[in-house]
Amino acid sequence: MEPIETRSDSRRTLIAASPAQVFAAMSDPVRVARWWGPNGFTSTIHAFEFRPGGSWRLTMHGPDGKSYPNESRFVRIVTDQLFEIEHLNGHHFLLTVALAPAQGGTEVRWRQTFDTAAHYAQIADFVALANAQNLERLAAEVQRG
């Protein structure tokens, strides 16, 4: 298997809130629907079984008017520390979001890992922008409370 660094988009950000406050915005489907996805997207959540092995099905609605069905399953969840999903349809990937207390709030470590470096390379520019926007939207949702 290729090194994880060659097939992943990784980023970190600081959110001025506690890990529990950040986790609350990641574990509540009503709140997730407000922040999940790049700028201009909205989400309709159909299933959100927030437990390891649980299903997460949603439709992302793009600013272009198109709808994008998504299906994932929750892989690992550690309250106030970790959220990990496997995206099952379309682009297959594992998304790991780790939360750690830090001076001034919570450091959020976001890593989206694809099966191959070649697959990741094909969509890396889009993924980088989308993930940065996702983290900005998460921070705004956390501040909204």
C-alpha atoms as a PDB file:
ATOM      1  CA  MET A   1       0.000   0.000   0.000  1.00  0.00           C
ATOM      2  CA  GLU A   2       1.228   3.499  -0.824  1.00  0.00           C
ATOM      3  CA  PRO A   3       2.212   5.786   2.072  1.00  0.00           C
ATOM      4  CA  ILE A   4      -0.758   7.553   3.604  1.00  0.00           C
ATOM      5  CA  GLU A   5       0.845  10.968   3.010  1.00  0.00           C
ATOM      6  CA  THR A   6       0.753  10.442  -0.773  1.00  0.00           C
ATOM      7  CA  ARG A   7      -2.973   9.748  -0.850  1.00  0.00           C
ATOM      8  CA  SER A   8      -4.359  12.089   1.809  1.00  0.00           C
ATOM      9  CA  ASP A   9      -5.439  15.670   2.284  1.00  0.00           C
ATOM     10  CA  SER A  10      -4.431  16.665   5.814  1.00  0.00           C
ATOM     11  CA  ARG A  11      -5.065  19.942   7.565  1.00  0.00           C
ATOM     12  CA  ARG A  12      -5.268  21.444  11.020  1.00  0.00           C
ATOM     13  CA  THR A  13      -7.160  24.369  12.411  1.00  0.00           C
ATOM     14  CA  LEU A  14      -7.813  25.903  15.810  1.00  0.00           C
ATOM     15  CA  ILE A  15     -11.414  26.468  16.843  1.00  0.00           C
ATOM     16  CA  ALA A  16     -11.982  28.762  19.823  1.00  0.00           C
ATOM     17  CA  ALA A  17     -14.149  26.301  21.757  1.00  0.00           C
ATOM     18  CA  SER A  18     -13.758  23.194  23.867  1.00  0.00           C
ATOM     19  CA  PRO A  19     -13.466  19.732  22.310  1.00  0.00           C
ATOM     20  CA  ALA A  20     -16.947  18.981  23.713  1.00  0.00           C
ATOM     21  CA  GLN A  21     -18.391  22.017  21.903  1.00  0.00           C
ATOM     22  CA  VAL A  22     -16.737  21.033  18.607  1.00  0.00           C
ATOM     23  CA  PHE A  23     -17.823  17.413  18.991  1.00  0.00           C
ATOM     24  CA  ALA A  24     -21.404  18.553  19.653  1.00  0.00           C
ATOM     25  CA  ALA A  25     -21.472  20.226  16.219  1.00  0.00           C
ATOM     26  CA  MET A  26     -20.123  17.007  14.648  1.00  0.00           C
ATOM     27  CA  SER A  27     -22.518  14.596  16.354  1.00  0.00           C
ATOM     28  CA  ASP A  28     -25.875  16.364  15.952  1.00  0.00           C
ATOM     29  CA  PRO A  29     -27.408  15.745  12.492  1.00  0.00           C
ATOM     30  CA  VAL A  30     -29.304  19.054  12.554  1.00  0.00           C
ATOM     31  CA  ARG A  31     -26.045  20.921  13.096  1.00  0.00           C
ATOM     32  CA  VAL A  32     -24.092  18.735  10.649  1.00  0.00           C
ATOM     33  CA  ALA A  33     -26.617  19.610   7.933  1.00  0.00           C
ATOM     34  CA  ARG A  34     -25.760  23.298   8.445  1.00  0.00           C
ATOM     35  CA  TRP A  35     -21.980  22.968   8.014  1.00  0.00           C
ATOM     36  CA  TRP A  36     -21.188  19.799   6.039  1.00  0.00           C
ATOM     37  CA  GLY A  37     -19.808  20.399   2.557  1.00  0.00           C
ATOM     38  CA  PRO A  38     -18.048  23.155   0.657  1.00  0.00           C
ATOM     39  CA  ASN A  39     -19.344  26.718   0.425  1.00  0.00           C
ATOM     40  CA  GLY A  40     -22.662  27.000  -1.366  1.00  0.00           C
ATOM     41  CA  PHE A  41     -23.736  23.434  -0.594  1.00  0.00           C
ATOM     42  CA  THR A  42     -26.627  22.407   1.632  1.00  0.00           C
ATOM     43  CA  SER A  43     -27.340  18.928   2.946  1.00  0.00           C
ATOM     44  CA  THR A  44     -30.411  16.848   3.569  1.00  0.00           C
ATOM     45  CA  ILE A  45     -29.664  14.066   6.024  1.00  0.00           C
ATOM     46  CA  HIS A  46     -31.657  10.863   5.570  1.00  0.00           C
ATOM     47  CA  ALA A  47     -29.948   8.657   8.187  1.00  0.00           C
ATOM     48  CA  PHE A  48     -27.416   9.512  10.904  1.00  0.00           C
ATOM     49  CA  GLU A  49     -26.796   6.491  13.127  1.00  0.00           C
ATOM     50  CA  PHE A  50     -23.993   8.004  15.183  1.00  0.00           C
ATOM     51  CA  ARG A  51     -22.274   4.854  16.425  1.00  0.00           C
ATOM     52  CA  PRO A  52     -19.504   2.620  15.063  1.00  0.00           C
ATOM     53  CA  GLY A  53     -20.964   0.696  12.134  1.00  0.00           C
ATOM     54  CA  GLY A  54     -23.887   3.117  11.850  1.00  0.00           C
ATOM     55  CA  SER A  55     -25.113   4.460   8.525  1.00  0.00           C
ATOM     56  CA  TRP A  56     -24.872   8.073   7.415  1.00  0.00           C
ATOM     57  CA  ARG A  57     -26.828   8.860   4.267  1.00  0.00           C
ATOM     58  CA  LEU A  58     -27.281  12.380   2.962  1.00  0.00           C
ATOM     59  CA  THR A  59     -27.876  14.297  -0.209  1.00  0.00           C
ATOM     60  CA  MET A  60     -25.650  17.289  -0.833  1.00  0.00           C
ATOM     61  CA  HIS A  61     -27.287  20.016  -2.916  1.00  0.00           C
ATOM     62  CA  GLY A  62     -24.783  22.027  -4.935  1.00  0.00           C
ATOM     63  CA  PRO A  63     -24.972  25.669  -5.915  1.00  0.00           C
ATOM     64  CA  ASP A  64     -25.284  24.379  -9.498  1.00  0.00           C
ATOM     65  CA  GLY A  65     -28.703  22.915  -8.626  1.00  0.00           C
ATOM     66  CA  LYS A  66     -27.482  19.317  -8.790  1.00  0.00           C
ATOM     67  CA  SER A  67     -27.989  16.807  -5.996  1.00  0.00           C
ATOM     68  CA  TYR A  68     -25.218  14.459  -4.897  1.00  0.00           C
ATOM     69  CA  PRO A  69     -26.243  11.385  -2.859  1.00  0.00           C
ATOM     70  CA  ASN A  70     -23.650  10.282  -0.310  1.00  0.00           C
ATOM     71  CA  GLU A  71     -23.408   7.148   1.767  1.00  0.00           C
ATOM     72  CA  SER A  72     -20.942   6.602   4.570  1.00  0.00           C
ATOM     73  CA  ARG A  73     -20.616   4.516   7.675  1.00  0.00           C
ATOM     74  CA  PHE A  74     -19.228   5.566  11.010  1.00  0.00           C
ATOM     75  CA  VAL A  75     -16.040   3.638  11.710  1.00  0.00           C
ATOM     76  CA  ARG A  76     -14.759   5.020  15.017  1.00  0.00           C
ATOM     77  CA  ILE A  77     -16.242   7.509  17.450  1.00  0.00           C
ATOM     78  CA  VAL A  78     -14.626   8.626  20.679  1.00  0.00           C
ATOM     79  CA  THR A  79     -16.704  11.260  22.447  1.00  0.00           C
ATOM     80  CA  ASP A  80     -15.046  14.695  22.338  1.00  0.00           C
ATOM     81  CA  GLN A  81     -11.947  13.216  20.640  1.00  0.00           C
ATOM     82  CA  LEU A  82     -12.497  11.416  17.341  1.00  0.00           C
ATOM     83  CA  PHE A  83     -14.930  11.056  14.454  1.00  0.00           C
ATOM     84  CA  GLU A  84     -14.103   8.689  11.593  1.00  0.00           C
ATOM     85  CA  ILE A  85     -16.199   7.724   8.574  1.00  0.00           C
ATOM     86  CA  GLU A  86     -15.736   5.550   5.525  1.00  0.00           C
ATOM     87  CA  HIS A  87     -17.320   7.107   2.427  1.00  0.00           C
ATOM     88  CA  LEU A  88     -18.840   4.236   0.477  1.00  0.00           C
ATOM     89  CA  ASN A  89     -20.189   5.610  -2.798  1.00  0.00           C
ATOM     90  CA  GLY A  90     -18.473   7.622  -5.509  1.00  0.00           C
ATOM     91  CA  HIS A  91     -14.992   8.510  -4.304  1.00  0.00           C
ATOM     92  CA  HIS A  92     -14.034   5.945  -1.664  1.00  0.00           C
ATOM     93  CA  PHE A  93     -12.131   7.457   1.280  1.00  0.00           C
ATOM     94  CA  LEU A  94     -11.643   7.378   5.028  1.00  0.00           C
ATOM     95  CA  LEU A  95     -12.126  10.678   6.853  1.00  0.00           C
ATOM     96  CA  THR A  96     -10.623  11.011  10.310  1.00  0.00           C
ATOM     97  CA  VAL A  97     -11.293  14.110  12.399  1.00  0.00           C
ATOM     98  CA  ALA A  98      -9.361  14.237  15.676  1.00  0.00           C
ATOM     99  CA  LEU A  99      -9.928  16.844  18.387  1.00  0.00           C
ATOM    100  CA  ALA A 100      -7.290  17.859  20.922  1.00  0.00           C
ATOM    101  CA  PRO A 101      -7.397  20.540  23.616  1.00  0.00           C
ATOM    102  CA  ALA A 102      -5.070  23.403  22.739  1.00  0.00           C
ATOM    103  CA  GLN A 103      -4.321  26.857  24.049  1.00  0.00           C
ATOM    104  CA  GLY A 104      -7.183  29.005  22.829  1.00  0.00           C
ATOM    105  CA  GLY A 105      -9.565  26.135  22.102  1.00  0.00           C
ATOM    106  CA  THR A 106      -9.452  22.880  20.163  1.00  0.00           C
ATOM    107  CA  GLU A 107      -7.025  21.781  17.499  1.00  0.00           C
ATOM    108  CA  VAL A 108      -8.974  19.980  14.781  1.00  0.00           C
ATOM    109  CA  ARG A 109      -6.907  17.530  12.713  1.00  0.00           C
ATOM    110  CA  TRP A 110      -8.698  16.563   9.509  1.00  0.00           C
ATOM    111  CA  ARG A 111      -7.350  13.788   7.261  1.00  0.00           C
ATOM    112  CA  GLN A 112      -9.152  12.474   4.182  1.00  0.00           C
ATOM    113  CA  THR A 113      -7.410   9.383   2.819  1.00  0.00           C
ATOM    114  CA  PHE A 114      -8.102   7.833  -0.573  1.00  0.00           C
ATOM    115  CA  ASP A 115      -7.278   4.300  -1.710  1.00  0.00           C
ATOM    116  CA  THR A 116      -4.486   5.333  -4.080  1.00  0.00           C
ATOM    117  CA  ALA A 117      -2.221   8.289  -4.703  1.00  0.00           C
ATOM    118  CA  ALA A 118      -3.390   8.371  -8.336  1.00  0.00           C
ATOM    119  CA  HIS A 119      -7.036   8.720  -7.325  1.00  0.00           C
ATOM    120  CA  TYR A 120      -6.194  11.442  -4.834  1.00  0.00           C
ATOM    121  CA  ALA A 121      -4.050  13.302  -7.390  1.00  0.00           C
ATOM    122  CA  GLN A 122      -6.999  13.493  -9.801  1.00  0.00           C
ATOM    123  CA  ILE A 123      -9.148  15.409  -7.302  1.00  0.00           C
ATOM    124  CA  ALA A 124      -6.578  16.925  -4.920  1.00  0.00           C
ATOM    125  CA  ASP A 125      -7.242  20.567  -5.814  1.00  0.00           C
ATOM    126  CA  PHE A 126     -10.995  20.225  -5.311  1.00  0.00           C
ATOM    127  CA  VAL A 127     -10.533  18.211  -2.103  1.00  0.00           C
ATOM    128  CA  ALA A 128      -8.139  20.779  -0.613  1.00  0.00           C
ATOM    129  CA  LEU A 129     -10.525  23.679  -1.224  1.00  0.00           C
ATOM    130  CA  ALA A 130     -13.592  21.724  -0.102  1.00  0.00           C
ATOM    131  CA  ASN A 131     -11.918  20.555   3.118  1.00  0.00           C
ATOM    132  CA  ALA A 132     -10.711  24.061   3.986  1.00  0.00           C
ATOM    133  CA  GLN A 133     -14.236  25.374   3.465  1.00  0.00           C
ATOM    134  CA  ASN A 134     -15.707  22.498   5.484  1.00  0.00           C
ATOM    135  CA  LEU A 135     -13.488  23.394   8.427  1.00  0.00           C
ATOM    136  CA  GLU A 136     -14.440  27.083   8.160  1.00  0.00           C
ATOM    137  CA  ARG A 137     -18.110  26.124   8.154  1.00  0.00           C
ATOM    138  CA  LEU A 138     -17.587  23.804  11.144  1.00  0.00           C
ATOM    139  CA  ALA A 139     -15.921  26.632  13.092  1.00  0.00           C
ATOM    140  CA  ALA A 140     -18.827  28.972  12.276  1.00  0.00           C
ATOM    141  CA  GLU A 141     -21.341  26.345  13.424  1.00  0.00           C
ATOM    142  CA  VAL A 142     -19.449  25.811  16.686  1.00  0.00           C
ATOM    143  CA  GLN A 143     -19.500  29.566  17.344  1.00  0.00           C
ATOM    144  CA  ARG A 144     -23.201  29.675  16.510  1.00  0.00           C
ATOM    145  CA  GLY A 145     -23.808  27.129  19.273  1.00  0.00           C
END
